[in-house]
Amino acid sequence: MFTTGRLTLNTELLDLPKELGKFVIVHELVHLLAPNHGKMFKCFMSAYLPDCEEREKRLQGYVS
């Protein structure tokens, strides 16, 4: 199942370390497969980025 929609990415992603920018982009793309943050979403995230939880924690240091 795919959801439809439009992704708009903020250019401030370019200011993040590459691995954190990649996390944000993969996160948004996975929403096309799973629209919420449920079990399926987490499975896809782990499949694409096995260290996604660690990256998410690191990203919180950049978000005000």
PDB file of N, CA and C in Angstrom:
ATOM      1  N   MET A   1       0.836  -1.173   0.000  1.00  0.00           N
ATOM      2  CA  MET A   1       0.000   0.000   0.000  1.00  0.00           C
ATOM      3  C   MET A   1       0.888   1.245   0.000  1.00  0.00           C
ATOM      4  N   PHE A   2       0.604   2.124  -0.891  1.00  0.00           N
ATOM      5  CA  PHE A   2       1.317   3.392  -0.958  1.00  0.00           C
ATOM      6  C   PHE A   2       0.331   4.515  -0.692  1.00  0.00           C
ATOM      7  N   THR A   3       0.789   5.514   0.026  1.00  0.00           N
ATOM      8  CA  THR A   3      -0.037   6.704   0.167  1.00  0.00           C
ATOM      9  C   THR A   3       0.391   7.676  -0.912  1.00  0.00           C
ATOM     10  N   THR A   4      -0.474   8.567  -1.253  1.00  0.00           N
ATOM     11  CA  THR A   4      -0.127   9.570  -2.254  1.00  0.00           C
ATOM     12  C   THR A   4       0.110  10.887  -1.546  1.00  0.00           C
ATOM     13  N   GLY A   5       0.846  11.719  -2.164  1.00  0.00           N
ATOM     14  CA  GLY A   5       1.114  13.012  -1.562  1.00  0.00           C
ATOM     15  C   GLY A   5       2.328  13.653  -2.181  1.00  0.00           C
ATOM     16  N   ARG A   6       2.715  14.748  -1.583  1.00  0.00           N
ATOM     17  CA  ARG A   6       3.852  15.510  -2.073  1.00  0.00           C
ATOM     18  C   ARG A   6       4.839  15.681  -0.929  1.00  0.00           C
ATOM     19  N   LEU A   7       6.089  15.450  -1.229  1.00  0.00           N
ATOM     20  CA  LEU A   7       7.142  15.690  -0.246  1.00  0.00           C
ATOM     21  C   LEU A   7       7.791  17.029  -0.555  1.00  0.00           C
ATOM     22  N   THR A   8       7.897  17.851   0.467  1.00  0.00           N
ATOM     23  CA  THR A   8       8.613  19.111   0.355  1.00  0.00           C
ATOM     24  C   THR A   8       9.674  19.094   1.431  1.00  0.00           C
ATOM     25  N   LEU A   9      10.910  19.181   1.028  1.00  0.00           N
ATOM     26  CA  LEU A   9      12.017  19.116   1.977  1.00  0.00           C
ATOM     27  C   LEU A   9      12.605  20.502   2.174  1.00  0.00           C
ATOM     28  N   ASN A  10      12.871  20.830   3.416  1.00  0.00           N
ATOM     29  CA  ASN A  10      13.439  22.120   3.776  1.00  0.00           C
ATOM     30  C   ASN A  10      14.920  22.142   3.391  1.00  0.00           C
ATOM     31  N   THR A  11      15.359  23.224   2.815  1.00  0.00           N
ATOM     32  CA  THR A  11      16.762  23.336   2.411  1.00  0.00           C
ATOM     33  C   THR A  11      17.710  23.344   3.615  1.00  0.00           C
ATOM     34  N   GLU A  12      17.190  23.569   4.815  1.00  0.00           N
ATOM     35  CA  GLU A  12      18.016  23.511   6.022  1.00  0.00           C
ATOM     36  C   GLU A  12      18.561  22.100   6.268  1.00  0.00           C
ATOM     37  N   LEU A  13      17.986  21.108   5.598  1.00  0.00           N
ATOM     38  CA  LEU A  13      18.528  19.742   5.675  1.00  0.00           C
ATOM     39  C   LEU A  13      19.984  19.718   5.221  1.00  0.00           C
ATOM     40  N   LEU A  14      20.331  20.619   4.335  1.00  0.00           N
ATOM     41  CA  LEU A  14      21.699  20.674   3.825  1.00  0.00           C
ATOM     42  C   LEU A  14      22.691  21.081   4.905  1.00  0.00           C
ATOM     43  N   ASP A  15      22.202  21.704   5.977  1.00  0.00           N
ATOM     44  CA  ASP A  15      23.070  22.128   7.074  1.00  0.00           C
ATOM     45  C   ASP A  15      23.336  21.012   8.082  1.00  0.00           C
ATOM     46  N   LEU A  16      22.573  19.938   7.991  1.00  0.00           N
ATOM     47  CA  LEU A  16      22.756  18.806   8.909  1.00  0.00           C
ATOM     48  C   LEU A  16      23.906  17.924   8.445  1.00  0.00           C
ATOM     49  N   PRO A  17      24.493  17.171   9.375  1.00  0.00           N
ATOM     50  CA  PRO A  17      25.438  16.134   8.931  1.00  0.00           C
ATOM     51  C   PRO A  17      24.710  15.186   7.960  1.00  0.00           C
ATOM     52  N   LYS A  18      25.442  14.705   6.986  1.00  0.00           N
ATOM     53  CA  LYS A  18      24.850  13.897   5.906  1.00  0.00           C
ATOM     54  C   LYS A  18      23.997  12.749   6.432  1.00  0.00           C
ATOM     55  N   GLU A  19      24.472  12.026   7.472  1.00  0.00           N
ATOM     56  CA  GLU A  19      23.730  10.857   7.960  1.00  0.00           C
ATOM     57  C   GLU A  19      22.413  11.261   8.619  1.00  0.00           C
ATOM     58  N   LEU A  20      22.328  12.478   9.155  1.00  0.00           N
ATOM     59  CA  LEU A  20      21.070  12.935   9.753  1.00  0.00           C
ATOM     60  C   LEU A  20      20.110  13.442   8.692  1.00  0.00           C
ATOM     61  N   GLY A  21      20.642  14.097   7.672  1.00  0.00           N
ATOM     62  CA  GLY A  21      19.806  14.490   6.544  1.00  0.00           C
ATOM     63  C   GLY A  21      19.207  13.274   5.863  1.00  0.00           C
ATOM     64  N   LYS A  22      20.013  12.241   5.718  1.00  0.00           N
ATOM     65  CA  LYS A  22      19.525  10.997   5.118  1.00  0.00           C
ATOM     66  C   LYS A  22      18.414  10.395   5.967  1.00  0.00           C
ATOM     67  N   PHE A  23      18.558  10.452   7.288  1.00  0.00           N
ATOM     68  CA  PHE A  23      17.515   9.942   8.180  1.00  0.00           C
ATOM     69  C   PHE A  23      16.196  10.663   7.919  1.00  0.00           C
ATOM     70  N   VAL A  24      16.236  11.995   7.832  1.00  0.00           N
ATOM     71  CA  VAL A  24      15.009  12.769   7.621  1.00  0.00           C
ATOM     72  C   VAL A  24      14.368  12.405   6.284  1.00  0.00           C
ATOM     73  N   ILE A  25      15.169  12.296   5.251  1.00  0.00           N
ATOM     74  CA  ILE A  25      14.640  11.977   3.923  1.00  0.00           C
ATOM     75  C   ILE A  25      14.042  10.576   3.904  1.00  0.00           C
ATOM     76  N   VAL A  26      14.747   9.598   4.458  1.00  0.00           N
ATOM     77  CA  VAL A  26      14.212   8.234   4.508  1.00  0.00           C
ATOM     78  C   VAL A  26      12.927   8.213   5.337  1.00  0.00           C
ATOM     79  N   HIS A  27      12.915   8.924   6.461  1.00  0.00           N
ATOM     80  CA  HIS A  27      11.735   9.005   7.316  1.00  0.00           C
ATOM     81  C   HIS A  27      10.522   9.479   6.509  1.00  0.00           C
ATOM     82  N   GLU A  28      10.710  10.541   5.750  1.00  0.00           N
ATOM     83  CA  GLU A  28       9.597  11.081   4.964  1.00  0.00           C
ATOM     84  C   GLU A  28       9.185  10.134   3.838  1.00  0.00           C
ATOM     85  N   LEU A  29      10.151   9.496   3.197  1.00  0.00           N
ATOM     86  CA  LEU A  29       9.821   8.537   2.133  1.00  0.00           C
ATOM     87  C   LEU A  29       9.090   7.319   2.684  1.00  0.00           C
ATOM     88  N   VAL A  30       9.457   6.864   3.866  1.00  0.00           N
ATOM     89  CA  VAL A  30       8.778   5.713   4.472  1.00  0.00           C
ATOM     90  C   VAL A  30       7.318   6.040   4.759  1.00  0.00           C
ATOM     91  N   HIS A  31       7.014   7.318   4.985  1.00  0.00           N
ATOM     92  CA  HIS A  31       5.608   7.692   5.175  1.00  0.00           C
ATOM     93  C   HIS A  31       4.772   7.411   3.931  1.00  0.00           C
ATOM     94  N   LEU A  32       5.388   7.262   2.784  1.00  0.00           N
ATOM     95  CA  LEU A  32       4.639   6.866   1.585  1.00  0.00           C
ATOM     96  C   LEU A  32       4.213   5.409   1.666  1.00  0.00           C
ATOM     97  N   LEU A  33       4.905   4.622   2.480  1.00  0.00           N
ATOM     98  CA  LEU A  33       4.571   3.210   2.681  1.00  0.00           C
ATOM     99  C   LEU A  33       3.706   3.003   3.919  1.00  0.00           C
ATOM    100  N   ALA A  34       3.948   3.783   4.937  1.00  0.00           N
ATOM    101  CA  ALA A  34       3.229   3.667   6.203  1.00  0.00           C
ATOM    102  C   ALA A  34       2.956   5.085   6.706  1.00  0.00           C
ATOM    103  N   PRO A  35       1.693   5.513   6.685  1.00  0.00           N
ATOM    104  CA  PRO A  35       1.384   6.907   6.983  1.00  0.00           C
ATOM    105  C   PRO A  35       1.547   7.340   8.440  1.00  0.00           C
ATOM    106  N   ASN A  36       1.657   6.402   9.361  1.00  0.00           N
ATOM    107  CA  ASN A  36       1.830   6.788  10.763  1.00  0.00           C
ATOM    108  C   ASN A  36       3.142   6.228  11.300  1.00  0.00           C
ATOM    109  N   HIS A  37       3.395   6.387  12.588  1.00  0.00           N
ATOM    110  CA  HIS A  37       4.637   5.909  13.189  1.00  0.00           C
ATOM    111  C   HIS A  37       4.444   4.580  13.908  1.00  0.00           C
ATOM    112  N   GLY A  38       3.586   3.747  13.366  1.00  0.00           N
ATOM    113  CA  GLY A  38       3.285   2.456  13.973  1.00  0.00           C
ATOM    114  C   GLY A  38       4.358   1.408  13.707  1.00  0.00           C
ATOM    115  N   LYS A  39       3.985   0.173  13.996  1.00  0.00           N
ATOM    116  CA  LYS A  39       4.915  -0.952  13.892  1.00  0.00           C
ATOM    117  C   LYS A  39       5.472  -1.117  12.472  1.00  0.00           C
ATOM    118  N   MET A  40       4.608  -1.002  11.473  1.00  0.00           N
ATOM    119  CA  MET A  40       5.052  -1.159  10.081  1.00  0.00           C
ATOM    120  C   MET A  40       6.069  -0.071   9.718  1.00  0.00           C
ATOM    121  N   PHE A  41       5.793   1.155  10.129  1.00  0.00           N
ATOM    122  CA  PHE A  41       6.711   2.265   9.875  1.00  0.00           C
ATOM    123  C   PHE A  41       8.074   1.959  10.490  1.00  0.00           C
ATOM    124  N   LYS A  42       8.085   1.527  11.734  1.00  0.00           N
ATOM    125  CA  LYS A  42       9.342   1.237  12.427  1.00  0.00           C
ATOM    126  C   LYS A  42      10.093   0.086  11.765  1.00  0.00           C
ATOM    127  N   CYS A  43       9.361  -0.888  11.260  1.00  0.00           N
ATOM    128  CA  CYS A  43      10.006  -2.008  10.548  1.00  0.00           C
ATOM    129  C   CYS A  43      10.685  -1.525   9.270  1.00  0.00           C
ATOM    130  N   PHE A  44       9.988  -0.687   8.510  1.00  0.00           N
ATOM    131  CA  PHE A  44      10.587  -0.138   7.288  1.00  0.00           C
ATOM    132  C   PHE A  44      11.814   0.713   7.615  1.00  0.00           C
ATOM    133  N   MET A  45      11.693   1.558   8.631  1.00  0.00           N
ATOM    134  CA  MET A  45      12.829   2.415   9.010  1.00  0.00           C
ATOM    135  C   MET A  45      14.036   1.565   9.385  1.00  0.00           C
ATOM    136  N   SER A  46      13.815   0.535  10.179  1.00  0.00           N
ATOM    137  CA  SER A  46      14.919  -0.342  10.590  1.00  0.00           C
ATOM    138  C   SER A  46      15.515  -1.089   9.411  1.00  0.00           C
ATOM    139  N   ALA A  47      14.678  -1.443   8.442  1.00  0.00           N
ATOM    140  CA  ALA A  47      15.170  -2.154   7.259  1.00  0.00           C
ATOM    141  C   ALA A  47      16.073  -1.249   6.422  1.00  0.00           C
ATOM    142  N   TYR A  48      15.679   0.015   6.270  1.00  0.00           N
ATOM    143  CA  TYR A  48      16.457   0.948   5.456  1.00  0.00           C
ATOM    144  C   TYR A  48      17.641   1.542   6.202  1.00  0.00           C
ATOM    145  N   LEU A  49      17.437   1.809   7.496  1.00  0.00           N
ATOM    146  CA  LEU A  49      18.496   2.411   8.320  1.00  0.00           C
ATOM    147  C   LEU A  49      18.542   1.661   9.654  1.00  0.00           C
ATOM    148  N   PRO A  50      19.353   0.614   9.738  1.00  0.00           N
ATOM    149  CA  PRO A  50      19.396  -0.183  10.974  1.00  0.00           C
ATOM    150  C   PRO A  50      19.715   0.642  12.225  1.00  0.00           C
ATOM    151  N   ASP A  51      20.394   1.761  12.065  1.00  0.00           N
ATOM    152  CA  ASP A  51      20.722   2.612  13.210  1.00  0.00           C
ATOM    153  C   ASP A  51      19.789   3.824  13.320  1.00  0.00           C
ATOM    154  N   CYS A  52      18.562   3.670  12.834  1.00  0.00           N
ATOM    155  CA  CYS A  52      17.639   4.809  12.776  1.00  0.00           C
ATOM    156  C   CYS A  52      17.336   5.401  14.150  1.00  0.00           C
ATOM    157  N   GLU A  53      17.242   4.583  15.178  1.00  0.00           N
ATOM    158  CA  GLU A  53      16.939   5.112  16.514  1.00  0.00           C
ATOM    159  C   GLU A  53      18.076   5.998  17.019  1.00  0.00           C
ATOM    160  N   GLU A  54      19.301   5.577  16.768  1.00  0.00           N
ATOM    161  CA  GLU A  54      20.461   6.376  17.188  1.00  0.00           C
ATOM    162  C   GLU A  54      20.503   7.687  16.400  1.00  0.00           C
ATOM    163  N   ARG A  55      20.207   7.625  15.107  1.00  0.00           N
ATOM    164  CA  ARG A  55      20.202   8.844  14.292  1.00  0.00           C
ATOM    165  C   ARG A  55      19.105   9.799  14.757  1.00  0.00           C
ATOM    166  N   GLU A  56      17.960   9.237  15.107  1.00  0.00           N
ATOM    167  CA  GLU A  56      16.858  10.087  15.573  1.00  0.00           C
ATOM    168  C   GLU A  56      17.246  10.813  16.867  1.00  0.00           C
ATOM    169  N   LYS A  57      17.913  10.123  17.764  1.00  0.00           N
ATOM    170  CA  LYS A  57      18.361  10.763  19.000  1.00  0.00           C
ATOM    171  C   LYS A  57      19.365  11.869  18.710  1.00  0.00           C
ATOM    172  N   ARG A  58      20.274  11.623  17.783  1.00  0.00           N
ATOM    173  CA  ARG A  58      21.265  12.639  17.423  1.00  0.00           C
ATOM    174  C   ARG A  58      20.589  13.844  16.777  1.00  0.00           C
ATOM    175  N   LEU A  59      19.552  13.594  15.967  1.00  0.00           N
ATOM    176  CA  LEU A  59      18.839  14.670  15.300  1.00  0.00           C
ATOM    177  C   LEU A  59      18.189  15.599  16.320  1.00  0.00           C
ATOM    178  N   GLN A  60      17.729  15.070  17.434  1.00  0.00           N
ATOM    179  CA  GLN A  60      17.080  15.903  18.455  1.00  0.00           C
ATOM    180  C   GLN A  60      18.008  17.006  18.958  1.00  0.00           C
ATOM    181  N   GLY A  61      19.311  16.794  18.910  1.00  0.00           N
ATOM    182  CA  GLY A  61      20.257  17.825  19.292  1.00  0.00           C
ATOM    183  C   GLY A  61      20.308  19.008  18.340  1.00  0.00           C
ATOM    184  N   TYR A  62      19.777  18.832  17.132  1.00  0.00           N
ATOM    185  CA  TYR A  62      19.763  19.890  16.130  1.00  0.00           C
ATOM    186  C   TYR A  62      18.427  20.612  16.060  1.00  0.00           C
ATOM    187  N   VAL A  63      17.417  20.020  16.670  1.00  0.00           N
ATOM    188  CA  VAL A  63      16.071  20.592  16.619  1.00  0.00           C
ATOM    189  C   VAL A  63      15.850  21.413  17.878  1.00  0.00           C
ATOM    190  N   SER A  64      15.404  22.653  17.688  1.00  0.00           N
ATOM    191  CA  SER A  64      15.183  23.497  18.867  1.00  0.00           C
ATOM    192  C   SER A  64      13.839  23.250  19.504  1.00  0.00           C
TER     193      SER A  64
END
